[in-house]
Amino acid sequence: MHALRKNRPLRRVVLASAATVSGLVMLLALKPHTPPTIAAAPAPAASSGASASGGATGAGGTSGSTGTRTVTGESVQTRWGPVQVRITLEGGRITEVTAVVYPTENPRDQEINSYALPQLRREVLAAQSADVDSVSGATYTSEGYRSSLQSALDSAGR
């Protein structure tokens, strides 16, 4: 019998096993992604209308460029969910930045945001603007954070 015409069952078993293992590896490497859910948006008066005109005021009850103002930026939809930022301005300076809405769907989102949001907050307070670097590993959250922050600054007239 000719060598090329021999039946090689072992070769078929090896190829079938390799294909099965490769398929399982690719299947397990897929990251599950649930579609983002829309978070409950704050009342319109709190997010743009009243805040843009000095809605939330500080302890002194004043608003404007010399008083305390709290402004909430627009909710920005990112790949992993919405991001929304609220800022407090005193005398025209950013004194507080808070992420009021951000992705928390799964443990990975929570892990990323637990280190990214404080770092973004520190950078914004230091830079006094939305011109801050993205946090490595949290690119989408960083982009949404900066966009929402910029909309809050625009509403505040900065």
C-alpha atoms as a PDB file:
ATOM      1  CA  MET A   1       0.000   0.000   0.000  1.00  0.00           C
ATOM      2  CA  HIS A   2       1.262   3.465  -0.846  1.00  0.00           C
ATOM      3  CA  ALA A   3       2.423   5.693   2.066  1.00  0.00           C
ATOM      4  CA  LEU A   4       0.176   8.643   1.085  1.00  0.00           C
ATOM      5  CA  ARG A   5      -2.953   6.514   1.061  1.00  0.00           C
ATOM      6  CA  LYS A   6      -2.604   5.164   4.567  1.00  0.00           C
ATOM      7  CA  ASN A   7      -5.412   5.955   6.884  1.00  0.00           C
ATOM      8  CA  ARG A   8      -4.115   8.107   9.766  1.00  0.00           C
ATOM      9  CA  PRO A   9      -6.685   8.100  12.577  1.00  0.00           C
ATOM     10  CA  LEU A  10      -4.234   9.518  15.132  1.00  0.00           C
ATOM     11  CA  ARG A  11      -3.693  12.611  12.993  1.00  0.00           C
ATOM     12  CA  ARG A  12      -7.456  13.187  12.840  1.00  0.00           C
ATOM     13  CA  VAL A  13      -7.776  12.840  16.609  1.00  0.00           C
ATOM     14  CA  VAL A  14      -4.975  15.332  17.205  1.00  0.00           C
ATOM     15  CA  LEU A  15      -6.461  17.852  14.758  1.00  0.00           C
ATOM     16  CA  ALA A  16      -9.954  17.502  16.225  1.00  0.00           C
ATOM     17  CA  SER A  17      -8.581  17.951  19.760  1.00  0.00           C
ATOM     18  CA  ALA A  18      -6.571  21.014  18.766  1.00  0.00           C
ATOM     19  CA  ALA A  19      -9.608  22.556  17.069  1.00  0.00           C
ATOM     20  CA  THR A  20     -11.769  21.895  20.141  1.00  0.00           C
ATOM     21  CA  VAL A  21      -9.204  23.401  22.519  1.00  0.00           C
ATOM     22  CA  SER A  22      -8.759  26.455  20.259  1.00  0.00           C
ATOM     23  CA  GLY A  23     -12.522  26.963  20.106  1.00  0.00           C
ATOM     24  CA  LEU A  24     -12.840  26.749  23.891  1.00  0.00           C
ATOM     25  CA  VAL A  25      -9.983  29.220  24.419  1.00  0.00           C
ATOM     26  CA  MET A  26     -11.585  31.730  22.044  1.00  0.00           C
ATOM     27  CA  LEU A  27     -14.972  31.260  23.705  1.00  0.00           C
ATOM     28  CA  LEU A  28     -13.564  31.801  27.204  1.00  0.00           C
ATOM     29  CA  ALA A  29     -11.601  34.854  26.060  1.00  0.00           C
ATOM     30  CA  LEU A  30     -14.789  36.706  25.152  1.00  0.00           C
ATOM     31  CA  LYS A  31     -15.724  39.369  27.681  1.00  0.00           C
ATOM     32  CA  PRO A  32     -19.429  39.513  28.390  1.00  0.00           C
ATOM     33  CA  HIS A  33     -20.918  42.938  27.862  1.00  0.00           C
ATOM     34  CA  THR A  34     -24.348  43.932  28.919  1.00  0.00           C
ATOM     35  CA  PRO A  35     -25.901  46.868  27.119  1.00  0.00           C
ATOM     36  CA  PRO A  36     -25.583  50.059  29.130  1.00  0.00           C
ATOM     37  CA  THR A  37     -28.615  51.036  31.122  1.00  0.00           C
ATOM     38  CA  ILE A  38     -29.672  54.624  31.263  1.00  0.00           C
ATOM     39  CA  ALA A  39     -29.270  55.983  34.770  1.00  0.00           C
ATOM     40  CA  ALA A  40     -32.011  58.090  36.244  1.00  0.00           C
ATOM     41  CA  ALA A  41     -31.199  61.644  35.275  1.00  0.00           C
ATOM     42  CA  PRO A  42     -31.508  64.374  37.879  1.00  0.00           C
ATOM     43  CA  ALA A  43     -34.354  66.815  37.567  1.00  0.00           C
ATOM     44  CA  PRO A  44     -33.790  69.281  34.698  1.00  0.00           C
ATOM     45  CA  ALA A  45     -33.714  72.233  37.104  1.00  0.00           C
ATOM     46  CA  ALA A  46     -30.785  70.674  38.976  1.00  0.00           C
ATOM     47  CA  SER A  47     -28.722  69.744  35.942  1.00  0.00           C
ATOM     48  CA  SER A  48     -28.822  72.679  33.583  1.00  0.00           C
ATOM     49  CA  GLY A  49     -31.479  75.322  34.045  1.00  0.00           C
ATOM     50  CA  ALA A  50     -31.119  76.464  37.646  1.00  0.00           C
ATOM     51  CA  SER A  51     -27.486  75.477  38.054  1.00  0.00           C
ATOM     52  CA  ALA A  52     -26.358  77.404  35.036  1.00  0.00           C
ATOM     53  CA  SER A  53     -27.823  80.537  36.560  1.00  0.00           C
ATOM     54  CA  GLY A  54     -26.345  79.844  39.983  1.00  0.00           C
ATOM     55  CA  GLY A  55     -28.974  77.303  41.129  1.00  0.00           C
ATOM     56  CA  ALA A  56     -27.318  75.681  44.122  1.00  0.00           C
ATOM     57  CA  THR A  57     -25.725  78.261  46.340  1.00  0.00           C
ATOM     58  CA  GLY A  58     -23.291  77.941  49.171  1.00  0.00           C
ATOM     59  CA  ALA A  59     -23.663  78.633  52.871  1.00  0.00           C
ATOM     60  CA  GLY A  60     -23.624  82.386  52.335  1.00  0.00           C
ATOM     61  CA  GLY A  61     -26.558  82.147  49.951  1.00  0.00           C
ATOM     62  CA  THR A  62     -24.717  84.003  47.204  1.00  0.00           C
ATOM     63  CA  SER A  63     -24.068  83.061  43.643  1.00  0.00           C
ATOM     64  CA  GLY A  64     -22.114  84.470  40.734  1.00  0.00           C
ATOM     65  CA  SER A  65     -18.390  84.798  40.241  1.00  0.00           C
ATOM     66  CA  THR A  66     -17.639  85.654  43.900  1.00  0.00           C
ATOM     67  CA  GLY A  67     -20.030  83.211  45.621  1.00  0.00           C
ATOM     68  CA  THR A  68     -20.310  79.455  45.756  1.00  0.00           C
ATOM     69  CA  ARG A  69     -22.010  77.670  42.885  1.00  0.00           C
ATOM     70  CA  THR A  70     -22.659  74.031  42.164  1.00  0.00           C
ATOM     71  CA  VAL A  71     -23.096  73.051  38.529  1.00  0.00           C
ATOM     72  CA  THR A  72     -23.846  69.597  37.144  1.00  0.00           C
ATOM     73  CA  GLY A  73     -22.513  68.763  33.699  1.00  0.00           C
ATOM     74  CA  GLU A  74     -24.327  66.846  31.008  1.00  0.00           C
ATOM     75  CA  SER A  75     -24.512  63.078  31.228  1.00  0.00           C
ATOM     76  CA  VAL A  76     -22.078  61.686  28.645  1.00  0.00           C
ATOM     77  CA  GLN A  77     -22.709  58.202  27.282  1.00  0.00           C
ATOM     78  CA  THR A  78     -19.512  56.124  27.048  1.00  0.00           C
ATOM     79  CA  ARG A  79     -18.948  52.583  25.820  1.00  0.00           C
ATOM     80  CA  TRP A  80     -19.387  51.207  29.355  1.00  0.00           C
ATOM     81  CA  GLY A  81     -22.109  53.548  30.595  1.00  0.00           C
ATOM     82  CA  PRO A  82     -22.944  57.165  31.351  1.00  0.00           C
ATOM     83  CA  VAL A  83     -20.603  59.554  33.163  1.00  0.00           C
ATOM     84  CA  GLN A  84     -21.766  62.792  34.790  1.00  0.00           C
ATOM     85  CA  VAL A  85     -19.768  65.283  36.863  1.00  0.00           C
ATOM     86  CA  ARG A  86     -20.813  67.968  39.374  1.00  0.00           C
ATOM     87  CA  ILE A  87     -18.479  70.838  40.237  1.00  0.00           C
ATOM     88  CA  THR A  88     -18.458  73.422  42.998  1.00  0.00           C
ATOM     89  CA  LEU A  89     -17.007  76.826  42.230  1.00  0.00           C
ATOM     90  CA  GLU A  90     -16.004  79.386  44.844  1.00  0.00           C
ATOM     91  CA  GLY A  91     -14.835  82.762  43.631  1.00  0.00           C
ATOM     92  CA  GLY A  92     -14.415  81.342  40.131  1.00  0.00           C
ATOM     93  CA  ARG A  93     -12.140  78.489  41.285  1.00  0.00           C
ATOM     94  CA  ILE A  94     -13.046  74.802  41.171  1.00  0.00           C
ATOM     95  CA  THR A  95     -13.104  73.660  44.792  1.00  0.00           C
ATOM     96  CA  GLU A  96     -14.827  70.296  44.409  1.00  0.00           C
ATOM     97  CA  VAL A  97     -15.418  67.792  41.613  1.00  0.00           C
ATOM     98  CA  THR A  98     -17.714  64.811  42.085  1.00  0.00           C
ATOM     99  CA  ALA A  99     -18.647  62.080  39.646  1.00  0.00           C
ATOM    100  CA  VAL A 100     -22.365  61.653  40.300  1.00  0.00           C
ATOM    101  CA  VAL A 101     -22.983  59.025  37.608  1.00  0.00           C
ATOM    102  CA  TYR A 102     -20.390  56.538  36.374  1.00  0.00           C
ATOM    103  CA  PRO A 103     -20.266  52.875  35.276  1.00  0.00           C
ATOM    104  CA  THR A 104     -20.762  50.428  38.161  1.00  0.00           C
ATOM    105  CA  GLU A 105     -22.354  47.498  36.300  1.00  0.00           C
ATOM    106  CA  ASN A 106     -19.744  44.895  37.184  1.00  0.00           C
ATOM    107  CA  PRO A 107     -16.767  44.403  39.511  1.00  0.00           C
ATOM    108  CA  ARG A 108     -14.312  45.447  36.787  1.00  0.00           C
ATOM    109  CA  ASP A 109     -16.092  48.813  36.350  1.00  0.00           C
ATOM    110  CA  GLN A 110     -15.988  49.310  40.107  1.00  0.00           C
ATOM    111  CA  GLU A 111     -12.284  48.436  40.255  1.00  0.00           C
ATOM    112  CA  ILE A 112     -11.360  50.798  37.418  1.00  0.00           C
ATOM    113  CA  ASN A 113     -13.407  53.697  38.761  1.00  0.00           C
ATOM    114  CA  SER A 114     -12.153  53.256  42.324  1.00  0.00           C
ATOM    115  CA  TYR A 115      -8.702  54.404  41.213  1.00  0.00           C
ATOM    116  CA  ALA A 116      -9.563  56.500  38.121  1.00  0.00           C
ATOM    117  CA  LEU A 117     -12.121  58.898  39.618  1.00  0.00           C
ATOM    118  CA  PRO A 118      -9.967  60.096  42.564  1.00  0.00           C
ATOM    119  CA  GLN A 119      -7.031  60.584  40.197  1.00  0.00           C
ATOM    120  CA  LEU A 120      -9.163  62.597  37.748  1.00  0.00           C
ATOM    121  CA  ARG A 121     -10.510  64.679  40.652  1.00  0.00           C
ATOM    122  CA  ARG A 122      -6.978  65.522  41.864  1.00  0.00           C
ATOM    123  CA  GLU A 123      -5.865  66.490  38.358  1.00  0.00           C
ATOM    124  CA  VAL A 124      -8.900  68.728  37.767  1.00  0.00           C
ATOM    125  CA  LEU A 125      -8.426  70.515  41.098  1.00  0.00           C
ATOM    126  CA  ALA A 126      -4.757  71.068  40.274  1.00  0.00           C
ATOM    127  CA  ALA A 127      -5.337  72.168  36.658  1.00  0.00           C
ATOM    128  CA  GLN A 128      -8.538  74.155  37.357  1.00  0.00           C
ATOM    129  CA  SER A 129      -9.819  73.073  33.942  1.00  0.00           C
ATOM    130  CA  ALA A 130     -10.997  70.062  31.953  1.00  0.00           C
ATOM    131  CA  ASP A 131      -7.601  69.859  30.255  1.00  0.00           C
ATOM    132  CA  VAL A 132      -6.317  66.791  32.123  1.00  0.00           C
ATOM    133  CA  ASP A 133      -4.728  63.544  31.002  1.00  0.00           C
ATOM    134  CA  SER A 134      -6.659  60.302  30.686  1.00  0.00           C
ATOM    135  CA  VAL A 135      -6.117  57.683  33.348  1.00  0.00           C
ATOM    136  CA  SER A 136      -4.405  54.616  31.935  1.00  0.00           C
ATOM    137  CA  GLY A 137      -6.865  51.739  31.793  1.00  0.00           C
ATOM    138  CA  ALA A 138      -9.875  54.053  32.133  1.00  0.00           C
ATOM    139  CA  THR A 139      -9.849  55.813  28.785  1.00  0.00           C
ATOM    140  CA  TYR A 140     -13.611  55.798  28.187  1.00  0.00           C
ATOM    141  CA  THR A 141     -14.406  56.967  31.709  1.00  0.00           C
ATOM    142  CA  SER A 142     -11.736  59.685  31.438  1.00  0.00           C
ATOM    143  CA  GLU A 143     -13.174  60.965  28.154  1.00  0.00           C
ATOM    144  CA  GLY A 144     -16.716  61.020  29.547  1.00  0.00           C
ATOM    145  CA  TYR A 145     -15.492  62.716  32.739  1.00  0.00           C
ATOM    146  CA  ARG A 146     -13.702  65.463  30.791  1.00  0.00           C
ATOM    147  CA  SER A 147     -16.696  66.037  28.483  1.00  0.00           C
ATOM    148  CA  SER A 148     -19.166  66.296  31.376  1.00  0.00           C
ATOM    149  CA  LEU A 149     -16.754  68.535  33.275  1.00  0.00           C
ATOM    150  CA  GLN A 150     -16.371  70.820  30.268  1.00  0.00           C
ATOM    151  CA  SER A 151     -20.167  71.106  29.906  1.00  0.00           C
ATOM    152  CA  ALA A 152     -20.397  72.067  33.601  1.00  0.00           C
ATOM    153  CA  LEU A 153     -17.663  74.674  33.166  1.00  0.00           C
ATOM    154  CA  ASP A 154     -19.424  76.031  30.068  1.00  0.00           C
ATOM    155  CA  SER A 155     -22.698  76.274  32.015  1.00  0.00           C
ATOM    156  CA  ALA A 156     -20.889  78.135  34.767  1.00  0.00           C
ATOM    157  CA  GLY A 157     -19.449  80.597  32.263  1.00  0.00           C
ATOM    158  CA  ARG A 158     -15.823  79.485  32.592  1.00  0.00           C
END
